[in-house]
N, C-alpha and C. Protein backbone atom coordinates (compact mmCIF):
# COMPACT_ATOMS: atom_id res chain seq x y z
N MET A 1 0.84 -1.18 0.00
CA MET A 1 0.00 0.00 0.00
C MET A 1 0.89 1.24 0.00
N ILE A 2 0.60 2.17 -0.86
CA ILE A 2 1.39 3.38 -0.99
C ILE A 2 0.85 4.42 0.00
N PRO A 3 1.74 4.94 0.88
CA PRO A 3 1.27 5.96 1.83
C PRO A 3 0.91 7.25 1.09
N SER A 4 -0.20 7.84 1.51
CA SER A 4 -0.64 9.06 0.85
C SER A 4 0.21 10.24 1.29
N LEU A 5 0.08 11.33 0.60
CA LEU A 5 0.84 12.54 0.91
C LEU A 5 0.50 13.04 2.31
N LEU A 6 -0.76 12.92 2.67
CA LEU A 6 -1.20 13.36 4.00
C LEU A 6 -0.51 12.55 5.10
N GLU A 7 -0.40 11.25 4.92
CA GLU A 7 0.27 10.40 5.91
C GLU A 7 1.75 10.75 6.02
N LYS A 8 2.38 11.08 4.90
CA LYS A 8 3.80 11.46 4.92
C LYS A 8 4.02 12.75 5.70
N VAL A 9 3.15 13.72 5.48
CA VAL A 9 3.25 15.01 6.19
C VAL A 9 2.99 14.80 7.67
N GLU A 10 2.01 13.97 8.00
CA GLU A 10 1.69 13.70 9.40
C GLU A 10 2.86 13.02 10.10
N ARG A 11 3.52 12.11 9.42
CA ARG A 11 4.65 11.40 10.01
C ARG A 11 5.79 12.35 10.37
N LEU A 12 5.95 13.43 9.62
CA LEU A 12 7.00 14.41 9.89
C LEU A 12 6.75 15.17 11.19
N SER A 13 5.48 15.34 11.56
CA SER A 13 5.16 16.13 12.75
C SER A 13 5.09 15.29 14.02
N LEU A 14 5.29 13.98 13.92
CA LEU A 14 5.25 13.13 15.11
C LEU A 14 6.56 13.21 15.88
N LYS A 15 6.46 13.15 17.21
CA LYS A 15 7.65 13.06 18.05
C LYS A 15 8.23 11.66 17.94
N GLU A 16 9.55 11.55 18.05
CA GLU A 16 10.17 10.22 18.01
C GLU A 16 9.99 9.49 19.33
N GLN A 17 10.18 10.18 20.45
CA GLN A 17 10.01 9.61 21.79
C GLN A 17 8.77 10.22 22.43
N VAL A 18 7.75 9.42 22.67
CA VAL A 18 6.55 9.89 23.36
C VAL A 18 6.54 9.27 24.74
N ASP A 19 6.30 10.12 25.75
CA ASP A 19 6.26 9.63 27.13
C ASP A 19 5.07 8.69 27.31
N LYS A 20 5.29 7.62 28.10
CA LYS A 20 4.23 6.64 28.34
C LYS A 20 3.44 7.04 29.59
N PHE A 21 2.16 7.26 29.40
CA PHE A 21 1.25 7.55 30.50
C PHE A 21 -0.14 7.13 30.06
N ALA A 22 -1.03 6.97 31.03
CA ALA A 22 -2.37 6.49 30.74
C ALA A 22 -3.40 7.32 31.49
N VAL A 23 -4.65 7.10 31.16
CA VAL A 23 -5.75 7.75 31.88
C VAL A 23 -5.72 7.28 33.32
N GLY A 24 -5.86 8.20 34.26
CA GLY A 24 -5.83 7.86 35.67
C GLY A 24 -4.49 8.15 36.32
N ASP A 25 -3.48 8.54 35.54
CA ASP A 25 -2.16 8.84 36.09
C ASP A 25 -2.10 10.29 36.56
N ASP A 26 -1.42 10.51 37.69
CA ASP A 26 -1.07 11.86 38.12
C ASP A 26 0.20 12.24 37.39
N VAL A 27 0.17 13.34 36.64
CA VAL A 27 1.31 13.70 35.81
C VAL A 27 1.74 15.15 36.05
N ARG A 28 2.97 15.42 35.66
CA ARG A 28 3.52 16.78 35.62
C ARG A 28 3.89 17.04 34.16
N VAL A 29 3.21 17.99 33.54
CA VAL A 29 3.44 18.31 32.13
C VAL A 29 4.33 19.55 32.06
N HIS A 30 5.48 19.43 31.40
CA HIS A 30 6.41 20.54 31.22
C HIS A 30 6.05 21.25 29.92
N VAL A 31 5.53 22.47 30.03
CA VAL A 31 5.04 23.21 28.87
C VAL A 31 5.94 24.43 28.65
N THR A 32 6.37 24.64 27.41
CA THR A 32 7.16 25.81 27.07
C THR A 32 6.21 26.97 26.82
N VAL A 33 6.44 28.08 27.55
CA VAL A 33 5.59 29.27 27.44
C VAL A 33 6.45 30.40 26.88
N ARG A 34 5.94 31.06 25.83
CA ARG A 34 6.66 32.20 25.25
C ARG A 34 5.96 33.47 25.66
N GLU A 35 6.73 34.39 26.26
CA GLU A 35 6.20 35.70 26.65
C GLU A 35 7.09 36.75 26.01
N GLY A 36 6.62 37.34 24.94
CA GLY A 36 7.44 38.30 24.21
C GLY A 36 8.57 37.57 23.53
N ASP A 37 9.80 37.96 23.86
CA ASP A 37 10.96 37.29 23.27
C ASP A 37 11.59 36.30 24.24
N LYS A 38 10.98 36.12 25.41
CA LYS A 38 11.50 35.19 26.41
C LYS A 38 10.75 33.86 26.35
N GLU A 39 11.42 32.82 26.80
CA GLU A 39 10.85 31.48 26.82
C GLU A 39 11.14 30.85 28.17
N ARG A 40 10.14 30.18 28.75
CA ARG A 40 10.34 29.49 30.02
C ARG A 40 9.52 28.22 30.03
N VAL A 41 9.83 27.34 30.99
CA VAL A 41 9.10 26.09 31.13
C VAL A 41 8.17 26.21 32.33
N GLN A 42 6.89 25.94 32.10
CA GLN A 42 5.89 25.98 33.16
C GLN A 42 5.38 24.56 33.38
N ILE A 43 5.20 24.18 34.63
CA ILE A 43 4.75 22.82 34.95
C ILE A 43 3.28 22.86 35.31
N PHE A 44 2.49 22.03 34.64
CA PHE A 44 1.07 21.87 34.94
C PHE A 44 0.89 20.45 35.45
N SER A 45 0.54 20.30 36.73
CA SER A 45 0.39 18.96 37.29
C SER A 45 -1.07 18.69 37.58
N GLY A 46 -1.46 17.43 37.37
CA GLY A 46 -2.84 17.05 37.61
C GLY A 46 -3.09 15.62 37.19
N LEU A 47 -4.35 15.28 37.05
CA LEU A 47 -4.79 13.93 36.74
C LEU A 47 -5.21 13.85 35.28
N VAL A 48 -4.72 12.84 34.57
CA VAL A 48 -5.13 12.63 33.17
C VAL A 48 -6.53 12.03 33.19
N ILE A 49 -7.51 12.76 32.64
CA ILE A 49 -8.88 12.26 32.65
C ILE A 49 -9.32 11.76 31.29
N ALA A 50 -8.54 12.03 30.22
CA ALA A 50 -8.93 11.55 28.89
C ALA A 50 -7.74 11.58 27.94
N ARG A 51 -7.77 10.66 26.98
CA ARG A 51 -6.86 10.68 25.82
C ARG A 51 -7.74 10.56 24.59
N ASP A 52 -7.45 11.38 23.59
CA ASP A 52 -8.28 11.40 22.38
C ASP A 52 -7.40 11.38 21.14
N GLY A 53 -7.95 10.90 20.07
CA GLY A 53 -7.30 10.96 18.77
C GLY A 53 -6.16 9.98 18.62
N ARG A 54 -5.55 10.03 17.43
CA ARG A 54 -4.39 9.21 17.14
C ARG A 54 -3.53 9.96 16.16
N GLY A 55 -2.29 9.53 16.09
CA GLY A 55 -1.36 10.17 15.17
C GLY A 55 -0.98 11.56 15.64
N ALA A 56 -0.83 12.47 14.70
CA ALA A 56 -0.40 13.83 15.01
C ALA A 56 -1.46 14.62 15.76
N SER A 57 -2.72 14.21 15.66
CA SER A 57 -3.79 14.96 16.32
C SER A 57 -4.15 14.40 17.69
N ALA A 58 -3.36 13.51 18.25
CA ALA A 58 -3.65 12.91 19.56
C ALA A 58 -3.52 13.97 20.66
N THR A 59 -4.46 13.96 21.59
CA THR A 59 -4.44 14.91 22.71
C THR A 59 -4.72 14.18 24.01
N PHE A 60 -4.41 14.85 25.12
CA PHE A 60 -4.78 14.34 26.44
C PHE A 60 -5.23 15.51 27.30
N THR A 61 -6.16 15.23 28.22
CA THR A 61 -6.74 16.25 29.08
C THR A 61 -6.26 16.03 30.51
N VAL A 62 -5.74 17.09 31.13
CA VAL A 62 -5.25 17.03 32.50
C VAL A 62 -6.11 17.95 33.35
N ARG A 63 -6.54 17.44 34.51
CA ARG A 63 -7.41 18.21 35.41
C ARG A 63 -6.75 18.35 36.77
N ARG A 64 -6.89 19.54 37.34
CA ARG A 64 -6.43 19.77 38.71
C ARG A 64 -7.35 20.78 39.37
N ILE A 65 -7.25 20.85 40.68
CA ILE A 65 -8.03 21.82 41.45
C ILE A 65 -7.09 22.94 41.85
N SER A 66 -7.41 24.16 41.44
CA SER A 66 -6.58 25.32 41.76
C SER A 66 -7.43 26.35 42.49
N HIS A 67 -7.11 26.61 43.75
CA HIS A 67 -7.84 27.55 44.60
C HIS A 67 -9.34 27.21 44.66
N GLY A 68 -9.64 25.90 44.74
CA GLY A 68 -11.02 25.46 44.88
C GLY A 68 -11.80 25.39 43.58
N VAL A 69 -11.14 25.68 42.46
CA VAL A 69 -11.82 25.67 41.16
C VAL A 69 -11.14 24.62 40.29
N GLY A 70 -11.93 23.79 39.62
CA GLY A 70 -11.39 22.78 38.72
C GLY A 70 -10.86 23.42 37.44
N VAL A 71 -9.63 23.08 37.08
CA VAL A 71 -9.00 23.62 35.87
C VAL A 71 -8.59 22.45 35.00
N GLU A 72 -8.98 22.49 33.73
CA GLU A 72 -8.61 21.44 32.79
C GLU A 72 -7.87 22.06 31.62
N ARG A 73 -6.82 21.35 31.18
CA ARG A 73 -6.08 21.78 29.99
C ARG A 73 -5.95 20.59 29.05
N VAL A 74 -6.09 20.86 27.78
CA VAL A 74 -5.94 19.84 26.75
C VAL A 74 -4.61 20.09 26.06
N PHE A 75 -3.75 19.05 26.05
CA PHE A 75 -2.43 19.16 25.46
C PHE A 75 -2.32 18.23 24.25
N PRO A 76 -1.74 18.70 23.16
CA PRO A 76 -1.42 17.80 22.06
C PRO A 76 -0.24 16.92 22.45
N VAL A 77 -0.31 15.64 22.20
CA VAL A 77 0.75 14.71 22.59
C VAL A 77 2.05 15.03 21.85
N HIS A 78 1.94 15.38 20.57
CA HIS A 78 3.11 15.57 19.73
C HIS A 78 3.50 17.04 19.57
N SER A 79 3.02 17.91 20.42
CA SER A 79 3.35 19.33 20.33
C SER A 79 4.79 19.59 20.74
N PRO A 80 5.50 20.45 20.02
CA PRO A 80 6.85 20.81 20.44
C PRO A 80 6.86 21.63 21.72
N ASN A 81 5.73 22.21 22.10
CA ASN A 81 5.64 23.00 23.33
C ASN A 81 5.52 22.12 24.57
N VAL A 82 5.14 20.86 24.41
CA VAL A 82 5.07 19.93 25.54
C VAL A 82 6.42 19.23 25.62
N GLY A 83 7.23 19.64 26.60
CA GLY A 83 8.58 19.10 26.73
C GLY A 83 8.57 17.64 27.14
N LYS A 84 8.03 17.37 28.32
CA LYS A 84 7.95 15.99 28.78
C LYS A 84 6.78 15.84 29.73
N VAL A 85 6.36 14.60 29.90
CA VAL A 85 5.25 14.27 30.80
C VAL A 85 5.80 13.29 31.83
N GLU A 86 5.90 13.72 33.09
CA GLU A 86 6.40 12.86 34.16
C GLU A 86 5.21 12.24 34.88
N VAL A 87 5.24 10.94 35.07
CA VAL A 87 4.17 10.25 35.81
C VAL A 87 4.57 10.22 37.28
N GLU A 88 3.73 10.83 38.13
CA GLU A 88 3.99 10.81 39.57
C GLU A 88 3.38 9.57 40.22
N LYS A 89 2.11 9.29 39.88
CA LYS A 89 1.40 8.12 40.40
C LYS A 89 0.56 7.54 39.30
N SER A 90 0.40 6.22 39.30
CA SER A 90 -0.50 5.57 38.35
C SER A 90 -1.76 5.15 39.08
N GLY A 91 -2.91 5.56 38.57
CA GLY A 91 -4.17 5.23 39.19
C GLY A 91 -4.82 4.02 38.55
N HIS A 92 -5.51 3.23 39.36
CA HIS A 92 -6.24 2.06 38.87
C HIS A 92 -7.61 2.53 38.42
N VAL A 93 -7.88 2.46 37.11
CA VAL A 93 -9.16 2.90 36.57
C VAL A 93 -9.74 1.82 35.67
N ARG A 94 -11.06 1.87 35.50
CA ARG A 94 -11.74 0.89 34.65
C ARG A 94 -12.50 1.58 33.53
N ARG A 95 -12.16 2.82 33.25
CA ARG A 95 -12.83 3.60 32.23
C ARG A 95 -11.78 4.29 31.35
N ALA A 96 -12.16 4.63 30.14
CA ALA A 96 -11.27 5.35 29.24
C ALA A 96 -11.36 6.86 29.46
N LYS A 97 -12.51 7.33 29.92
CA LYS A 97 -12.72 8.75 30.18
C LYS A 97 -13.20 8.90 31.62
N LEU A 98 -12.58 9.79 32.36
CA LEU A 98 -12.91 9.97 33.78
C LEU A 98 -13.68 11.28 34.01
N TYR A 99 -14.62 11.57 33.13
CA TYR A 99 -15.37 12.82 33.23
C TYR A 99 -16.22 12.88 34.50
N TYR A 100 -16.55 11.73 35.08
CA TYR A 100 -17.36 11.72 36.30
C TYR A 100 -16.64 12.38 37.46
N LEU A 101 -15.32 12.50 37.40
CA LEU A 101 -14.55 13.14 38.48
C LEU A 101 -14.83 14.64 38.57
N ARG A 102 -15.39 15.22 37.51
CA ARG A 102 -15.70 16.65 37.52
C ARG A 102 -16.74 16.98 38.59
N GLU A 103 -17.60 16.02 38.88
CA GLU A 103 -18.68 16.25 39.85
C GLU A 103 -18.27 15.93 41.28
N LEU A 104 -17.15 15.24 41.47
CA LEU A 104 -16.74 14.79 42.79
C LEU A 104 -15.70 15.73 43.39
N THR A 105 -15.71 15.82 44.74
CA THR A 105 -14.73 16.65 45.43
C THR A 105 -14.14 15.87 46.60
N GLY A 106 -13.00 16.29 47.06
CA GLY A 106 -12.38 15.71 48.25
C GLY A 106 -11.94 14.28 48.05
N LYS A 107 -12.17 13.45 49.08
CA LYS A 107 -11.71 12.06 49.04
C LYS A 107 -12.45 11.22 47.99
N LYS A 108 -13.65 11.63 47.64
CA LYS A 108 -14.41 10.89 46.65
C LYS A 108 -13.76 10.97 45.27
N ALA A 109 -12.99 12.01 45.04
CA ALA A 109 -12.35 12.20 43.73
C ALA A 109 -10.99 11.51 43.66
N LYS A 110 -10.61 10.78 44.70
CA LYS A 110 -9.32 10.08 44.70
C LYS A 110 -9.44 8.74 43.99
N LEU A 111 -8.35 8.34 43.35
CA LEU A 111 -8.30 7.04 42.68
C LEU A 111 -7.38 6.12 43.45
N ARG A 112 -7.68 4.81 43.37
CA ARG A 112 -6.76 3.84 43.96
C ARG A 112 -5.48 3.84 43.16
N GLU A 113 -4.37 3.58 43.84
CA GLU A 113 -3.10 3.49 43.12
C GLU A 113 -2.98 2.12 42.48
N LYS A 114 -2.41 2.09 41.28
CA LYS A 114 -2.25 0.85 40.53
C LYS A 114 -1.26 -0.05 41.26
N ALA A 115 -1.58 -1.33 41.37
CA ALA A 115 -0.69 -2.29 42.02
C ALA A 115 0.57 -2.47 41.18
N ARG A 116 1.70 -2.39 41.82
CA ARG A 116 2.98 -2.55 41.11
C ARG A 116 3.40 -4.00 41.12
N ARG A 117 3.96 -4.45 40.01
CA ARG A 117 4.40 -5.83 39.92
C ARG A 117 5.90 -5.90 39.93
């Protein structure tokens, strides 16, 4: 099968090394922020509640509570602005999307930690 031009262009925009993480993991996302002519790395830490798409358009959603308000950010997996994704804890989940956590607060919003082998 001959790869189409679109597939060739998409392959160029993919990262070679993608960090391994899953839905339910507590992560720290290192994001490059440009302010004027300066550049710095900002860390956004939270819980991965969803992964969407495939290929160059793959994204993941990270949620955290900041000053009592839920904040969610959607990051492209293959974006050059996303430096690295560090997994702090792996949560045991049985769903692909954890949108139900939006309604829960406190201890009810906690996930069990994944058993290590």
